[in-house]
Protein backbone atom coordinates (compact mmCIF):
# COMPACT_ATOMS: atom_id res chain seq x y z
CA UNK A 1 24.65 -12.64 -5.32
CA UNK A 2 27.26 -14.22 -7.32
CA UNK A 3 30.91 -15.01 -6.49
CA UNK A 4 30.44 -12.65 -3.04
CA UNK A 5 29.15 -9.44 -5.47
CA UNK A 6 26.47 -7.80 -4.01
CA UNK A 7 23.35 -7.16 -6.53
CA UNK A 8 22.06 -3.98 -6.21
CA UNK A 9 18.73 -2.56 -7.73
CA UNK A 10 18.88 -0.17 -10.01
CA UNK A 11 18.03 3.25 -9.09
CA UNK A 12 15.40 3.90 -11.81
CA UNK A 13 13.41 0.98 -10.74
CA UNK A 14 11.95 3.06 -7.87
CA UNK A 15 10.73 5.48 -10.78
CA UNK A 16 8.47 5.52 -13.34
CA UNK A 17 9.77 5.04 -16.91
CA UNK A 18 11.01 8.30 -18.81
CA UNK A 19 9.38 9.96 -21.54
CA UNK A 20 11.97 8.60 -23.98
CA UNK A 21 13.56 5.32 -24.65
CA UNK A 22 17.39 4.60 -23.77
CA UNK A 23 18.28 5.38 -27.67
CA UNK A 24 15.83 8.57 -27.87
CA UNK A 25 17.94 10.06 -24.80
CA UNK A 26 21.17 9.08 -26.13
CA UNK A 27 19.95 10.81 -29.57
CA UNK A 28 19.54 14.21 -27.88
CA UNK A 29 16.42 13.41 -25.38
CA UNK A 30 18.83 13.50 -22.15
CA UNK A 31 18.63 17.88 -22.94
CA UNK A 32 14.94 17.79 -22.03
CA UNK A 33 15.62 16.31 -18.62
CA UNK A 34 18.11 18.89 -17.91
CA UNK A 35 15.94 21.25 -18.32
CA UNK A 36 13.45 20.19 -16.31
CA UNK A 37 15.93 19.55 -13.51
CA UNK A 38 16.97 23.06 -13.74
CA UNK A 39 13.46 24.06 -13.57
CA UNK A 40 13.11 22.01 -10.49
CA UNK A 41 15.63 23.54 -8.69
CA UNK A 42 14.22 26.91 -9.75
CA UNK A 43 10.54 25.79 -8.15
CA UNK A 44 11.86 24.45 -5.01
CA UNK A 45 13.90 27.79 -4.37
CA UNK A 46 10.31 29.56 -5.30
CA UNK A 47 8.71 27.77 -2.36
CA UNK A 48 10.97 27.81 -0.13
CA UNK A 49 11.61 31.87 -0.37
CA UNK A 50 8.10 32.95 -1.19
CA UNK A 51 6.27 30.47 1.35
CA UNK A 52 7.53 28.23 3.21
CA UNK A 53 10.44 30.12 5.27
CA UNK A 54 7.61 33.20 5.57
CA UNK A 55 5.48 30.88 7.62
CA UNK A 56 8.24 29.68 9.28
CA UNK A 57 9.19 33.44 10.20
CA UNK A 58 5.67 33.66 11.81
CA UNK A 59 5.41 30.02 13.25
CA UNK A 60 8.83 31.14 15.42
CA UNK A 61 7.31 34.21 16.49
CA UNK A 62 3.82 32.82 17.30
CA UNK A 63 6.08 30.32 19.72
CA UNK A 64 8.23 32.47 20.87
CA UNK A 65 11.33 30.06 18.97
CA UNK A 66 14.88 31.21 18.76
CA UNK A 67 16.99 30.90 14.99
CA UNK A 68 18.26 27.60 15.71
CA UNK A 69 15.18 25.90 17.60
CA UNK A 70 12.81 26.89 14.99
CA UNK A 71 15.84 25.64 12.44
CA UNK A 72 16.20 22.11 14.12
CA UNK A 73 12.16 21.56 14.84
CA UNK A 74 9.91 23.31 12.00
CA UNK A 75 12.20 23.70 9.39
CA UNK A 76 13.84 20.36 9.52
CA UNK A 77 10.90 18.64 9.19
CA UNK A 78 9.59 20.78 6.16
CA UNK A 79 12.82 20.38 4.40
CA UNK A 80 12.90 17.03 4.92
CA UNK A 81 9.53 16.04 3.94
CA UNK A 82 10.82 13.98 0.54
CA UNK A 83 12.80 11.88 2.93
CA UNK A 84 9.58 11.21 5.12
CA UNK A 85 8.17 10.11 1.82
CA UNK A 86 11.24 8.37 0.75
CA UNK A 87 10.94 6.17 3.79
CA UNK A 88 7.21 5.26 3.37
CA UNK A 89 7.75 4.44 0.32
CA UNK A 90 10.38 2.07 0.37
CA UNK A 91 9.02 0.63 3.38
CA UNK A 92 4.94 0.14 2.11
CA UNK A 93 5.32 0.25 -1.85
CA UNK A 94 9.10 -0.96 -2.75
CA UNK A 95 10.02 -3.30 -0.14
CA UNK A 96 13.06 -2.31 -0.76
CA UNK A 97 16.42 -0.49 1.31
CA UNK A 98 15.72 2.77 -0.98
CA UNK A 99 14.66 4.93 2.58
CA UNK A 100 17.60 3.42 4.44
CA UNK A 101 19.78 4.15 1.81
CA UNK A 102 18.64 7.72 0.87
CA UNK A 103 18.70 8.79 4.47
CA UNK A 104 21.98 7.18 5.55
CA UNK A 105 23.59 8.03 2.09
CA UNK A 106 22.65 11.15 1.94
CA UNK A 107 23.69 12.02 5.87
CA UNK A 108 27.40 13.30 4.47
CA UNK A 109 25.92 15.62 2.25
CA UNK A 110 23.85 17.04 4.15
CA UNK A 111 26.60 17.69 7.06
CA UNK A 112 29.50 18.79 4.82
CA UNK A 113 28.04 19.56 1.20
CA UNK A 114 25.30 21.99 2.91
CA UNK A 115 27.27 23.76 5.23
CA UNK A 116 29.86 24.49 1.93
CA UNK A 117 27.13 25.77 0.13
CA UNK A 118 25.84 27.83 2.94
CA UNK A 119 29.73 29.24 3.58
CA UNK A 120 30.75 29.86 0.02
CA UNK A 121 26.98 31.25 -1.59
CA UNK A 122 26.68 33.16 1.39
CA UNK A 123 28.13 37.02 1.30
CA UNK A 124 27.68 37.69 4.99
CA UNK A 125 29.73 36.22 7.36
CA UNK A 126 27.50 34.64 10.19
CA UNK A 127 28.06 34.32 14.16
CA UNK A 128 27.61 30.70 15.45
CA UNK A 129 26.82 29.55 18.88
CA UNK A 130 28.08 26.84 20.57
CA UNK A 131 25.15 25.15 22.64
CA UNK A 132 23.30 24.49 19.71
CA UNK A 133 25.95 22.99 17.35
CA UNK A 134 26.94 20.73 20.06
CA UNK A 135 22.94 19.87 20.98
CA UNK A 136 22.30 18.58 17.47
CA UNK A 137 25.75 17.13 16.66
CA UNK A 138 25.30 15.05 19.69
CA UNK A 139 21.42 14.16 19.38
CA UNK A 140 22.49 13.28 15.47
CA UNK A 141 25.29 11.26 16.91
CA UNK A 142 23.40 9.12 19.36
CA UNK A 143 20.19 8.89 16.66
CA UNK A 144 22.71 7.55 13.67
CA UNK A 145 24.36 5.44 16.00
CA UNK A 146 20.51 3.72 17.28
CA UNK A 147 20.08 3.33 13.79
CA UNK A 148 22.84 1.30 13.21
CA UNK A 149 22.56 -0.52 15.92
CA UNK A 150 19.12 -1.82 14.92
CA UNK A 151 20.04 -2.86 11.25
CA UNK A 152 23.13 -4.32 12.05
CA UNK A 153 21.78 -7.31 12.29
CA UNK A 154 19.40 -7.06 9.02
CA UNK A 155 16.39 -7.21 11.14
CA UNK A 156 14.26 -4.31 12.62
CA UNK A 157 11.65 -5.35 14.85
CA UNK A 158 9.07 -2.67 16.62
CA UNK A 159 10.75 -2.17 19.76
CA UNK A 160 13.98 -1.15 17.92
CA UNK A 161 11.96 1.21 15.93
CA UNK A 162 10.06 2.67 18.98
CA UNK A 163 13.37 3.70 20.39
CA UNK A 164 14.09 5.88 17.46
CA UNK A 165 10.67 7.63 18.36
CA UNK A 166 11.56 7.40 22.10
CA UNK A 167 15.19 9.12 21.24
CA UNK A 168 13.06 11.96 18.97
CA UNK A 169 11.24 12.62 21.58
CA UNK A 170 13.78 13.20 24.19
CA UNK A 171 15.57 15.45 21.87
CA UNK A 172 11.95 17.69 21.68
CA UNK A 173 12.20 17.31 25.21
CA UNK A 174 15.50 19.39 25.48
CA UNK A 175 14.44 21.68 23.01
CA UNK A 176 11.71 22.68 24.90
CA UNK A 177 13.59 23.65 28.14
CA UNK A 178 16.19 24.36 25.80
CA UNK A 179 16.92 28.01 27.26
CA UNK A 180 16.89 26.93 30.69
CA UNK A 181 19.82 24.38 29.64
CA UNK A 182 21.84 27.12 27.54
CA UNK A 183 21.76 29.29 30.54
CA UNK A 184 22.93 26.75 32.95
CA UNK A 185 25.58 25.88 30.53
CA UNK A 186 26.95 29.11 29.88
CA UNK A 187 27.49 29.58 34.13
CA UNK A 188 28.64 26.27 33.93
CA UNK A 189 30.86 26.18 31.56
CA UNK A 190 32.19 30.08 30.72
CA UNK A 191 35.40 30.33 33.22
CA UNK A 192 36.63 27.44 30.79
CA UNK A 193 35.21 27.62 27.52
CA UNK A 194 35.60 31.24 25.73
CA UNK A 195 32.77 30.37 23.16
CA UNK A 196 30.13 30.18 25.89
CA UNK A 197 32.06 33.58 27.53
CA UNK A 198 31.58 35.21 24.15
CA UNK A 199 28.17 34.17 23.74
CA UNK A 200 27.08 35.42 27.25
CA UNK A 201 28.53 38.83 26.43
CA UNK A 202 26.52 38.83 22.91
CA UNK A 203 23.31 37.96 24.62
CA UNK A 204 23.60 40.72 27.39
CA UNK A 205 24.81 43.67 24.51
CA UNK A 206 21.69 42.46 22.03
CA UNK A 207 19.04 42.18 25.14
CA UNK A 208 18.15 45.93 25.41
CA UNK A 209 18.30 46.27 21.70
CA UNK A 210 15.45 44.15 20.91
CA UNK A 211 13.40 45.09 24.04
CA UNK A 212 13.26 41.28 25.67
CA UNK A 213 12.80 43.29 29.17
CA UNK A 214 9.86 45.06 28.51
CA UNK A 215 7.47 43.97 30.94
CA UNK A 216 4.56 44.81 28.76
CA UNK A 217 5.21 42.26 25.92
CA UNK A 218 4.44 38.57 26.24
CA UNK A 219 6.78 36.29 28.82
CA UNK A 220 7.40 33.82 26.45
CA UNK A 221 9.68 36.24 24.25
CA UNK A 222 11.57 37.11 27.19
CA UNK A 223 13.50 33.81 27.05
CA UNK A 224 14.51 33.83 23.65
CA UNK A 225 18.23 33.69 23.03
CA UNK A 226 18.12 35.83 19.48
CA UNK A 227 15.47 36.87 17.55
CA UNK A 228 14.36 34.50 15.01
CA UNK A 229 13.60 37.19 12.34
CA UNK A 230 14.97 35.62 9.12
CA UNK A 231 13.96 38.50 6.86
CA UNK A 232 14.75 41.72 9.26
CA UNK A 233 16.95 43.01 6.37
CA UNK A 234 14.52 44.05 3.88
CA UNK A 235 11.03 42.78 3.61
CA UNK A 236 7.59 44.26 4.98
CA UNK A 237 6.50 41.55 6.84
CA UNK A 238 9.97 42.02 8.97
CA UNK A 239 8.11 43.88 10.95
CA UNK A 240 6.98 40.27 12.68
CA UNK A 241 10.24 40.42 14.43
CA UNK A 242 9.34 43.77 16.39
CA UNK A 243 6.55 41.76 18.56
CA UNK A 244 4.36 39.36 18.74
CA UNK A 245 1.19 41.70 19.49
CA UNK A 246 1.97 43.75 16.81
CA UNK A 247 0.71 41.03 13.97
CA UNK A 248 -2.34 42.67 13.49
CA UNK A 249 -0.75 46.45 13.50
CA UNK A 250 0.67 45.88 9.95
CA UNK A 251 -0.95 48.00 7.60
CA UNK A 252 1.74 47.61 4.39
CA UNK A 253 0.94 44.62 2.25
CA UNK A 254 3.88 42.54 0.46
CA UNK A 255 4.43 43.21 -3.39
CA UNK A 256 2.53 41.26 -5.27
CA UNK A 257 4.00 38.20 -6.50
CA UNK A 258 3.47 38.93 -10.44
CA UNK A 259 5.39 42.42 -9.89
CA UNK A 260 8.04 41.75 -12.07
CA UNK A 261 11.79 42.74 -10.96
CA UNK A 262 13.31 45.34 -12.15
CA UNK A 263 17.06 43.53 -12.74
CA UNK A 264 17.24 42.44 -16.17
CA UNK A 265 18.91 39.10 -15.12
CA UNK A 266 16.02 38.53 -12.48
CA UNK A 267 13.53 39.46 -15.03
CA UNK A 268 14.41 37.03 -17.11
CA UNK A 269 14.16 34.69 -14.47
CA UNK A 270 10.93 35.77 -13.35
CA UNK A 271 9.54 35.20 -16.65
CA UNK A 272 10.63 31.34 -17.27
CA UNK A 273 9.12 30.88 -13.65
CA UNK A 274 6.00 32.80 -14.08
CA UNK A 275 4.32 28.92 -14.83
CA UNK A 276 4.81 27.79 -11.48
CA UNK A 277 4.65 31.42 -9.41
CA UNK A 278 0.81 31.16 -10.84
CA UNK A 279 0.65 27.42 -9.85
CA UNK A 280 1.76 28.12 -6.01
CA UNK A 281 -0.01 31.13 -5.79
CA UNK A 282 -3.28 29.41 -6.84
CA UNK A 283 -2.76 26.31 -4.81
CA UNK A 284 -0.66 28.08 -1.46
CA UNK A 285 -2.06 30.82 0.76
CA UNK A 286 0.25 33.77 0.99
CA UNK A 287 0.95 34.25 4.59
CA UNK A 288 2.94 37.41 3.65
CA UNK A 289 -0.07 39.26 2.95
CA UNK A 290 -2.34 40.88 5.49
CA UNK A 291 -5.78 38.51 4.11
CA UNK A 292 -3.49 35.07 4.69
CA UNK A 293 -1.49 35.94 7.72
CA UNK A 294 -3.30 33.50 10.01
CA UNK A 295 -3.02 30.83 7.55
CA UNK A 296 0.55 30.25 8.12
CA UNK A 297 0.29 26.70 9.09
CA UNK A 298 -2.23 25.93 6.02
CA UNK A 299 0.88 27.66 4.16
CA UNK A 300 3.81 25.49 5.62
CA UNK A 301 1.85 22.31 5.41
CA UNK A 302 1.00 22.93 1.80
CA UNK A 303 4.58 24.19 0.91
CA UNK A 304 6.70 21.27 2.44
CA UNK A 305 4.04 19.08 0.11
CA UNK A 306 4.67 21.33 -2.65
CA UNK A 307 8.95 20.88 -1.67
CA UNK A 308 7.95 16.75 -1.67
CA UNK A 309 6.39 16.70 -5.11
CA UNK A 310 9.11 18.98 -6.74
CA UNK A 311 11.84 16.97 -5.11
CA UNK A 312 10.46 13.37 -6.42
CA UNK A 313 10.43 15.01 -9.89
CA UNK A 314 14.02 16.12 -9.70
CA UNK A 315 15.53 12.96 -8.49
CA UNK A 316 13.39 10.91 -10.92
CA UNK A 317 15.17 12.98 -13.74
CA UNK A 318 18.36 12.85 -11.89
CA UNK A 319 18.53 9.36 -11.90
CA UNK A 320 17.19 8.54 -15.79
CA UNK A 321 19.94 11.32 -16.76
CA UNK A 322 23.02 9.29 -14.72
CA UNK A 323 21.89 6.05 -16.00
CA UNK A 324 21.60 7.38 -19.67
CA UNK A 325 24.99 9.22 -19.26
CA UNK A 326 26.37 5.85 -17.79
CA UNK A 327 27.54 7.02 -14.48
CA UNK A 328 27.69 3.69 -12.15
CA UNK A 329 24.83 3.56 -9.20
CA UNK A 330 27.36 3.79 -5.86
CA UNK A 331 28.15 7.37 -7.93
CA UNK A 332 24.64 8.31 -8.35
CA UNK A 333 23.46 7.49 -5.04
CA UNK A 334 26.36 8.96 -2.99
CA UNK A 335 26.65 12.35 -5.06
CA UNK A 336 23.91 13.43 -7.41
CA UNK A 337 21.05 11.49 -6.05
CA UNK A 338 22.15 12.69 -2.59
CA UNK A 339 22.46 15.99 -3.46
CA UNK A 340 18.58 15.94 -5.02
CA UNK A 341 17.04 14.70 -2.15
CA UNK A 342 18.85 17.45 -0.13
CA UNK A 343 18.01 20.56 -2.33
CA UNK A 344 15.13 21.78 -0.16
CA UNK A 345 17.59 21.79 3.12
CA UNK A 346 20.07 23.12 0.75
CA UNK A 347 18.40 26.21 -0.32
CA UNK A 348 16.45 26.57 2.83
CA UNK A 349 19.76 26.96 4.86
CA UNK A 350 21.25 29.18 2.04
CA UNK A 351 18.84 31.36 1.94
CA UNK A 352 18.90 31.85 6.16
CA UNK A 353 22.91 32.00 6.01
CA UNK A 354 22.73 34.79 3.62
CA UNK A 355 20.21 36.64 5.79
CA UNK A 356 22.96 36.51 9.00
CA UNK A 357 21.25 33.77 10.90
CA UNK A 358 24.00 31.29 11.14
CA UNK A 359 22.33 29.29 14.20
CA UNK A 360 19.45 28.56 12.04
CA UNK A 361 21.19 27.64 9.05
CA UNK A 362 23.60 25.00 11.29
CA UNK A 363 20.49 23.59 13.03
CA UNK A 364 18.70 22.84 10.30
CA UNK A 365 21.17 21.20 8.88
CA UNK A 366 22.02 18.77 11.79
CA UNK A 367 18.63 18.62 12.65
CA UNK A 368 17.15 17.73 9.49
CA UNK A 369 19.50 14.89 9.96
CA UNK A 370 17.83 14.01 13.01
CA UNK A 371 14.63 14.31 11.87
CA UNK A 372 15.41 11.92 8.68
CA UNK A 373 16.37 9.40 11.51
CA UNK A 374 12.97 9.87 12.72
CA UNK A 375 12.09 9.26 9.29
CA UNK A 376 12.93 5.50 9.21
CA UNK A 377 11.31 4.95 12.69
CA UNK A 378 7.87 5.84 11.89
CA UNK A 379 7.12 3.50 8.97
CA UNK A 380 9.16 0.69 10.83
CA UNK A 381 7.28 0.93 13.55
CA UNK A 382 3.73 1.01 11.97
CA UNK A 383 4.52 -1.76 9.78
CA UNK A 384 5.88 -3.67 12.63
CA UNK A 385 3.78 -2.76 15.22
CA UNK A 386 0.41 -2.24 13.59
CA UNK A 387 0.57 -4.13 10.10
CA UNK A 388 2.85 -6.70 10.04
CA UNK A 389 3.60 -7.72 13.37
CA UNK A 390 4.35 -11.76 12.48
CA UNK A 391 8.15 -11.04 11.94
CA UNK A 392 10.74 -7.90 12.01
CA UNK A 393 11.61 -5.79 8.54
CA UNK A 394 14.72 -7.63 6.34
CA UNK A 395 17.10 -4.67 5.61
CA UNK A 396 20.22 -5.23 3.66
CA UNK A 397 22.99 -4.68 6.31
CA UNK A 398 26.25 -4.42 4.23
CA UNK A 399 28.77 -1.42 4.23
CA UNK A 400 27.32 -0.53 7.55
CA UNK A 401 30.80 -0.16 9.50
CA UNK A 402 32.06 2.16 6.92
CA UNK A 403 29.01 4.24 6.95
CA UNK A 404 28.94 4.30 10.71
CA UNK A 405 32.72 5.45 10.75
CA UNK A 406 31.65 8.09 7.89
CA UNK A 407 28.85 9.95 9.52
CA UNK A 408 30.92 9.65 13.12
CA UNK A 409 33.38 11.54 11.40
CA UNK A 410 31.52 13.76 9.73
CA UNK A 411 29.83 14.96 12.95
CA UNK A 412 33.23 15.05 14.24
CA UNK A 413 34.58 17.32 11.67
CA UNK A 414 31.98 19.80 11.38
CA UNK A 415 32.36 20.48 14.76
CA UNK A 416 35.89 20.92 15.00
CA UNK A 417 36.00 22.72 11.65
CA UNK A 418 33.25 25.39 13.39
CA UNK A 419 35.55 25.85 16.68
CA UNK A 420 38.98 26.26 14.62
CA UNK A 421 37.17 28.95 12.32
CA UNK A 422 36.05 30.97 15.40
CA UNK A 423 32.38 29.97 15.71
CA UNK A 424 31.08 31.20 12.36
CA UNK A 425 30.02 30.44 8.72
CA UNK A 426 31.96 32.59 6.16
CA UNK A 427 33.64 31.40 2.58
CA UNK A 428 36.79 29.97 4.40
CA UNK A 429 34.55 27.25 6.54
CA UNK A 430 32.85 26.50 2.92
CA UNK A 431 36.18 25.81 1.54
CA UNK A 432 36.65 23.63 4.22
CA UNK A 433 33.66 21.58 4.54
CA UNK A 434 33.73 20.96 0.64
CA UNK A 435 37.38 19.64 0.50
CA UNK A 436 35.73 17.42 3.26
CA UNK A 437 33.08 16.39 1.57
CA UNK A 438 35.20 15.62 -1.66
CA UNK A 439 37.29 13.49 0.60
CA UNK A 440 34.50 11.60 1.78
CA UNK A 441 32.79 11.19 -1.21
CA UNK A 442 36.03 9.73 -3.09
CA UNK A 443 36.47 7.37 -0.57
CA UNK A 444 33.02 5.99 -0.47
CA UNK A 445 32.47 5.71 -4.16
CA UNK A 446 36.10 3.94 -4.10
CA UNK A 447 34.41 1.43 -1.38
CA UNK A 448 31.32 1.24 -3.19
CA UNK A 449 32.61 0.10 -6.25
CA UNK A 450 34.89 -2.24 -4.68
CA UNK A 451 38.29 -0.52 -5.19
CA UNK A 452 38.68 -0.25 -1.41
CA UNK A 453 37.56 -2.83 1.00
CA UNK A 454 35.36 -5.78 0.35
CA UNK A 455 32.36 -4.65 -0.41
CA UNK A 456 32.06 -5.45 -4.52
CA UNK A 457 28.57 -4.51 -6.14
CA UNK A 458 27.07 -4.73 -9.24
CA UNK A 459 23.82 -4.01 -10.60
CA UNK A 460 20.91 -6.56 -10.79
CA UNK A 461 20.36 -8.03 -14.44
CA UNK A 462 23.94 -6.83 -15.57
């Protein structure tokens, strides 16, 4: 630091050098980067829609998970794979604060930005349940407070990182008994809380329709609050939603990915995306097809790995493009990079919200943030407990007070906005979340630039 000004590393220092020199990028090479960025957006949407979400559907059915539990666990873990890779890079490769800054810096976008996208880009109004959102918001508040408390002294000890793993373990334990806890809270608070009363009425109305009380069906399905069928509107493999034992009775196969769409616009996109479609077809088993149906866990893991790789390239291109256009580092970290690392969460949440599965979308939004905190705990614990046991990990803790206030306020605002909007995801909620996100982002940028507060920064070497 010089004269109280904090020196931060350039974001591009965390990535390989680009294809062109700075001058070549300014002379027109930047167009290539934007083409790659758009293509990466298309690629991650194809992975999520064709492989990641179908595998999640089968996992949810086999384990008897409800929408919100599936969204908070498997969906959150898979779509947050880029953050886990980033945290490991920050702890073992770059030895910097990239993991902390990426995860904490994108938390506001994850909560408000993705909620805005779900509301604005979904043509279906999705109903939400009280308990899943309250459960996930509470878990995220506790985990965020724990992270901020342990890095307030700029040092991470092994027992502090272990506490993060313990918190996430407790969260998973709550999810294991989620149905019983939900039923208890419904009975306990339904007289004084109208949203619980509505949830009980909807549960009573829906139960006979889906046949959950069928004695011949699996016992575990009787515990599910709502059907976790993401695709039950149109696709053939939606028959998975009918019964668990019907998995081997489905005779019709899903259409081949090489089938050309009929609509003109979709046909153009299909031709442009044919290289990535072919590459994914050769590397990921399509669990929507009868032959690969039992390979759904392999599909889930490989698609999560592809999501991480595509997101890495996306963030790399966005970083260099922002640097070429002269966008300040602080603005990049809070906007483009935050959105870039959260592309899988955004795409997955919008896709399921458009199917009317609001609980799964919101649980993925908040649950992925809870998983992000675990992403910090795992590499920290491995490094402090097994690799470098002589001392703690040093992190840069400046600006944490504002970050803590922003995180807690954003959780409170999203919960309050959903409550005032009648516990549904629609364009009204999307607009409210978008306005809140813009307000938080502007305040964060002003703080990072030193215009408000006392946190002046500059890029090292400038």
